[in-house]
Amino acid sequence: MANILDKEKYIMFRGKPLVRQGGQYLYGSLDESHTLFLGVHNTEKHGEYELAGDITVMVRSNADGKIEKMAKKHGLYEALDIGAAWLDLAIKGKLG
């Protein structure tokens, strides 16, 4: 099995792996206490490109699968930006 932190095989965002399957994204490492889950609800056509529209952002505990924080954002950048900040806080035990 490939190492999840192999930077040549996975997209890295702010030092953590970002893996996509269809309209779902997993950000972070399963070796840490929390991961970020992004679920794309719809897409929008902009010229020849299909971009993510509404996205559910969830910080989940890897120990029990409990959702620690959740929100709905518009666009992948906005979702990853707030989600990455929440994930860092959750890993440090400071997510309130």
N, C-alpha and C. Protein backbone atom coordinates (compact mmCIF):
# COMPACT_ATOMS: atom_id res chain seq x y z
N MET A 1 0.83 -1.17 0.00
CA MET A 1 0.00 0.00 0.00
C MET A 1 0.89 1.24 0.00
N ALA A 2 0.46 2.25 -0.74
CA ALA A 2 1.25 3.48 -0.85
C ALA A 2 1.17 4.30 0.43
N ASN A 3 2.24 4.97 0.75
CA ASN A 3 2.28 5.86 1.90
C ASN A 3 1.44 7.09 1.61
N ILE A 4 0.48 7.41 2.49
CA ILE A 4 -0.44 8.53 2.27
C ILE A 4 0.30 9.86 2.19
N LEU A 5 1.48 9.95 2.78
CA LEU A 5 2.23 11.21 2.75
C LEU A 5 3.21 11.29 1.58
N ASP A 6 3.12 10.36 0.64
CA ASP A 6 3.97 10.38 -0.54
C ASP A 6 3.56 11.56 -1.41
N LYS A 7 4.33 12.64 -1.37
CA LYS A 7 3.97 13.88 -2.04
C LYS A 7 3.92 13.75 -3.55
N GLU A 8 4.49 12.72 -4.12
CA GLU A 8 4.45 12.54 -5.56
C GLU A 8 3.15 11.89 -6.01
N LYS A 9 2.41 11.25 -5.10
CA LYS A 9 1.19 10.54 -5.48
C LYS A 9 -0.09 11.25 -5.05
N TYR A 10 0.00 12.18 -4.09
CA TYR A 10 -1.18 12.85 -3.57
C TYR A 10 -1.01 14.35 -3.63
N ILE A 11 -2.13 15.04 -3.83
CA ILE A 11 -2.12 16.49 -3.77
C ILE A 11 -1.94 16.89 -2.31
N MET A 12 -1.03 17.79 -2.06
CA MET A 12 -0.79 18.28 -0.71
C MET A 12 -1.30 19.71 -0.62
N PHE A 13 -2.04 20.02 0.43
CA PHE A 13 -2.55 21.36 0.68
C PHE A 13 -2.19 21.72 2.11
N ARG A 14 -1.40 22.77 2.28
CA ARG A 14 -0.93 23.21 3.60
C ARG A 14 -0.30 22.06 4.39
N GLY A 15 0.46 21.22 3.68
CA GLY A 15 1.22 20.16 4.33
C GLY A 15 0.46 18.89 4.65
N LYS A 16 -0.81 18.79 4.24
CA LYS A 16 -1.61 17.60 4.50
C LYS A 16 -2.16 17.06 3.17
N PRO A 17 -2.36 15.74 3.07
CA PRO A 17 -2.88 15.16 1.83
C PRO A 17 -4.36 15.50 1.62
N LEU A 18 -4.72 15.72 0.36
CA LEU A 18 -6.10 15.97 -0.05
C LEU A 18 -6.45 14.91 -1.09
N VAL A 19 -7.41 14.06 -0.76
CA VAL A 19 -7.78 12.94 -1.63
C VAL A 19 -9.23 13.12 -2.07
N ARG A 20 -9.48 12.92 -3.36
CA ARG A 20 -10.83 13.09 -3.89
C ARG A 20 -11.32 11.81 -4.52
N GLN A 21 -12.60 11.52 -4.29
CA GLN A 21 -13.27 10.43 -4.99
C GLN A 21 -14.65 10.94 -5.36
N GLY A 22 -14.86 11.20 -6.63
CA GLY A 22 -16.12 11.76 -7.08
C GLY A 22 -16.34 13.13 -6.49
N GLY A 23 -17.47 13.32 -5.80
CA GLY A 23 -17.80 14.60 -5.18
C GLY A 23 -17.46 14.65 -3.71
N GLN A 24 -16.55 13.78 -3.26
CA GLN A 24 -16.16 13.76 -1.86
C GLN A 24 -14.66 13.95 -1.73
N TYR A 25 -14.28 14.73 -0.73
CA TYR A 25 -12.87 15.00 -0.46
C TYR A 25 -12.56 14.63 0.98
N LEU A 26 -11.38 14.07 1.20
CA LEU A 26 -10.87 13.81 2.55
C LEU A 26 -9.56 14.55 2.67
N TYR A 27 -9.45 15.38 3.70
CA TYR A 27 -8.26 16.20 3.90
C TYR A 27 -7.67 15.86 5.26
N GLY A 28 -6.40 15.58 5.29
CA GLY A 28 -5.71 15.26 6.54
C GLY A 28 -5.27 13.80 6.54
N SER A 29 -4.73 13.41 7.68
CA SER A 29 -4.19 12.06 7.83
C SER A 29 -5.00 11.27 8.85
N LEU A 30 -5.26 10.01 8.56
CA LEU A 30 -5.98 9.16 9.50
C LEU A 30 -5.13 8.84 10.73
N ASP A 31 -3.84 9.15 10.68
CA ASP A 31 -2.96 8.95 11.83
C ASP A 31 -3.15 10.04 12.89
N GLU A 32 -3.79 11.15 12.52
CA GLU A 32 -4.03 12.24 13.46
C GLU A 32 -5.39 12.07 14.12
N SER A 33 -5.70 12.91 15.09
CA SER A 33 -6.94 12.76 15.86
C SER A 33 -8.20 13.11 15.06
N HIS A 34 -8.09 13.98 14.06
CA HIS A 34 -9.24 14.43 13.28
C HIS A 34 -8.90 14.50 11.79
N THR A 35 -9.93 14.41 10.96
CA THR A 35 -9.81 14.64 9.52
C THR A 35 -10.94 15.56 9.08
N LEU A 36 -10.79 16.11 7.89
CA LEU A 36 -11.80 17.00 7.32
C LEU A 36 -12.47 16.28 6.16
N PHE A 37 -13.80 16.30 6.15
CA PHE A 37 -14.57 15.71 5.07
C PHE A 37 -15.31 16.82 4.35
N LEU A 38 -15.22 16.84 3.02
CA LEU A 38 -15.93 17.82 2.20
C LEU A 38 -16.84 17.06 1.24
N GLY A 39 -18.11 17.39 1.25
CA GLY A 39 -19.07 16.77 0.34
C GLY A 39 -19.67 17.79 -0.60
N VAL A 40 -19.46 17.61 -1.90
CA VAL A 40 -19.96 18.54 -2.91
C VAL A 40 -21.41 18.18 -3.24
N HIS A 41 -22.31 19.16 -3.10
CA HIS A 41 -23.73 18.93 -3.37
C HIS A 41 -24.11 19.19 -4.82
N ASN A 42 -23.47 20.19 -5.43
CA ASN A 42 -23.79 20.51 -6.82
C ASN A 42 -22.58 21.16 -7.48
N THR A 43 -22.63 21.24 -8.78
CA THR A 43 -21.55 21.88 -9.54
C THR A 43 -22.15 22.97 -10.41
N GLU A 44 -21.30 23.90 -10.82
CA GLU A 44 -21.71 25.01 -11.68
C GLU A 44 -20.79 25.06 -12.89
N LYS A 45 -21.37 25.32 -14.03
CA LYS A 45 -20.61 25.41 -15.28
C LYS A 45 -20.10 26.83 -15.46
N HIS A 46 -18.78 26.98 -15.60
CA HIS A 46 -18.15 28.28 -15.88
C HIS A 46 -17.29 28.10 -17.11
N GLY A 47 -17.83 28.51 -18.26
CA GLY A 47 -17.12 28.28 -19.51
C GLY A 47 -17.04 26.79 -19.78
N GLU A 48 -15.83 26.29 -19.98
CA GLU A 48 -15.66 24.85 -20.23
C GLU A 48 -15.39 24.05 -18.95
N TYR A 49 -15.39 24.74 -17.80
CA TYR A 49 -15.07 24.09 -16.53
C TYR A 49 -16.29 23.85 -15.67
N GLU A 50 -16.29 22.76 -14.94
CA GLU A 50 -17.33 22.43 -13.98
C GLU A 50 -16.73 22.64 -12.59
N LEU A 51 -17.27 23.60 -11.83
CA LEU A 51 -16.73 23.94 -10.52
C LEU A 51 -17.70 23.54 -9.42
N ALA A 52 -17.15 23.22 -8.25
CA ALA A 52 -17.98 22.85 -7.10
C ALA A 52 -18.81 24.04 -6.66
N GLY A 53 -20.07 23.79 -6.33
CA GLY A 53 -20.97 24.82 -5.83
C GLY A 53 -21.06 24.75 -4.32
N ASP A 54 -22.18 24.24 -3.81
CA ASP A 54 -22.39 24.12 -2.37
C ASP A 54 -21.65 22.90 -1.83
N ILE A 55 -20.95 23.10 -0.71
CA ILE A 55 -20.13 22.05 -0.11
C ILE A 55 -20.40 21.98 1.39
N THR A 56 -20.59 20.76 1.90
CA THR A 56 -20.68 20.56 3.34
C THR A 56 -19.28 20.30 3.87
N VAL A 57 -18.90 21.03 4.92
CA VAL A 57 -17.58 20.93 5.53
C VAL A 57 -17.78 20.30 6.91
N MET A 58 -17.07 19.18 7.18
CA MET A 58 -17.21 18.50 8.47
C MET A 58 -15.85 18.12 9.03
N VAL A 59 -15.60 18.50 10.27
CA VAL A 59 -14.42 18.03 10.98
C VAL A 59 -14.87 16.83 11.80
N ARG A 60 -14.24 15.67 11.54
CA ARG A 60 -14.65 14.43 12.21
C ARG A 60 -13.51 13.86 13.04
N SER A 61 -13.88 13.28 14.16
CA SER A 61 -12.92 12.59 15.02
C SER A 61 -12.59 11.24 14.39
N ASN A 62 -11.31 10.90 14.32
CA ASN A 62 -10.92 9.59 13.78
C ASN A 62 -11.13 8.48 14.80
N ALA A 63 -11.26 8.83 16.07
CA ALA A 63 -11.44 7.82 17.12
C ALA A 63 -12.84 7.21 17.09
N ASP A 64 -13.87 8.06 16.99
CA ASP A 64 -15.24 7.55 17.05
C ASP A 64 -16.14 8.00 15.90
N GLY A 65 -15.61 8.79 14.97
CA GLY A 65 -16.39 9.25 13.82
C GLY A 65 -17.35 10.39 14.13
N LYS A 66 -17.29 10.92 15.33
CA LYS A 66 -18.17 12.01 15.74
C LYS A 66 -17.84 13.29 14.97
N ILE A 67 -18.88 13.98 14.51
CA ILE A 67 -18.69 15.25 13.81
C ILE A 67 -18.52 16.34 14.86
N GLU A 68 -17.37 17.00 14.84
CA GLU A 68 -17.04 18.03 15.82
C GLU A 68 -17.55 19.41 15.41
N LYS A 69 -17.54 19.67 14.10
CA LYS A 69 -17.98 20.98 13.60
C LYS A 69 -18.43 20.79 12.15
N MET A 70 -19.50 21.49 11.77
CA MET A 70 -20.03 21.33 10.42
C MET A 70 -20.60 22.67 9.93
N ALA A 71 -20.46 22.92 8.63
CA ALA A 71 -21.02 24.12 8.01
C ALA A 71 -21.20 23.86 6.52
N LYS A 72 -21.93 24.74 5.88
CA LYS A 72 -22.11 24.67 4.43
C LYS A 72 -21.46 25.91 3.84
N LYS A 73 -20.60 25.72 2.84
CA LYS A 73 -19.90 26.82 2.19
C LYS A 73 -20.12 26.73 0.68
N HIS A 74 -19.79 27.83 -0.01
CA HIS A 74 -19.94 27.85 -1.47
C HIS A 74 -18.55 27.91 -2.11
N GLY A 75 -18.22 26.90 -2.85
CA GLY A 75 -16.94 26.85 -3.56
C GLY A 75 -15.88 26.10 -2.78
N LEU A 76 -15.02 25.42 -3.51
CA LEU A 76 -13.99 24.60 -2.90
C LEU A 76 -12.97 25.42 -2.11
N TYR A 77 -12.61 26.58 -2.61
CA TYR A 77 -11.62 27.40 -1.90
C TYR A 77 -12.14 27.81 -0.53
N GLU A 78 -13.35 28.33 -0.47
CA GLU A 78 -13.93 28.77 0.79
C GLU A 78 -14.06 27.59 1.77
N ALA A 79 -14.49 26.44 1.27
CA ALA A 79 -14.65 25.25 2.11
C ALA A 79 -13.31 24.77 2.66
N LEU A 80 -12.30 24.69 1.81
CA LEU A 80 -10.98 24.24 2.26
C LEU A 80 -10.31 25.25 3.19
N ASP A 81 -10.52 26.52 2.94
CA ASP A 81 -9.90 27.56 3.75
C ASP A 81 -10.39 27.47 5.20
N ILE A 82 -11.70 27.46 5.40
CA ILE A 82 -12.23 27.39 6.76
C ILE A 82 -12.02 25.99 7.35
N GLY A 83 -12.17 24.97 6.53
CA GLY A 83 -12.00 23.60 7.00
C GLY A 83 -10.58 23.31 7.48
N ALA A 84 -9.58 23.81 6.78
CA ALA A 84 -8.19 23.60 7.18
C ALA A 84 -7.90 24.28 8.52
N ALA A 85 -8.47 25.46 8.73
CA ALA A 85 -8.29 26.16 10.01
C ALA A 85 -8.95 25.38 11.14
N TRP A 86 -10.18 24.90 10.91
CA TRP A 86 -10.88 24.10 11.92
C TRP A 86 -10.12 22.82 12.23
N LEU A 87 -9.59 22.18 11.20
CA LEU A 87 -8.86 20.92 11.40
C LEU A 87 -7.62 21.15 12.26
N ASP A 88 -6.88 22.21 11.99
CA ASP A 88 -5.70 22.52 12.81
C ASP A 88 -6.09 22.75 14.27
N LEU A 89 -7.19 23.46 14.50
CA LEU A 89 -7.65 23.70 15.87
C LEU A 89 -8.09 22.39 16.53
N ALA A 90 -8.78 21.53 15.79
CA ALA A 90 -9.25 20.26 16.34
C ALA A 90 -8.07 19.36 16.73
N ILE A 91 -7.06 19.32 15.90
CA ILE A 91 -5.88 18.50 16.19
C ILE A 91 -5.15 19.01 17.44
N LYS A 92 -5.17 20.33 17.63
CA LYS A 92 -4.54 20.91 18.82
C LYS A 92 -5.46 20.86 20.05
N GLY A 93 -6.70 20.38 19.88
CA GLY A 93 -7.65 20.29 20.98
C GLY A 93 -8.28 21.61 21.36
N LYS A 94 -8.31 22.56 20.42
CA LYS A 94 -8.82 23.90 20.72
C LYS A 94 -10.08 24.25 19.93
N LEU A 95 -10.69 23.29 19.25
CA LEU A 95 -11.89 23.56 18.47
C LEU A 95 -13.07 23.63 19.43
N GLY A 96 -13.78 24.76 19.43
CA GLY A 96 -14.87 24.94 20.38
C GLY A 96 -16.22 24.95 19.78
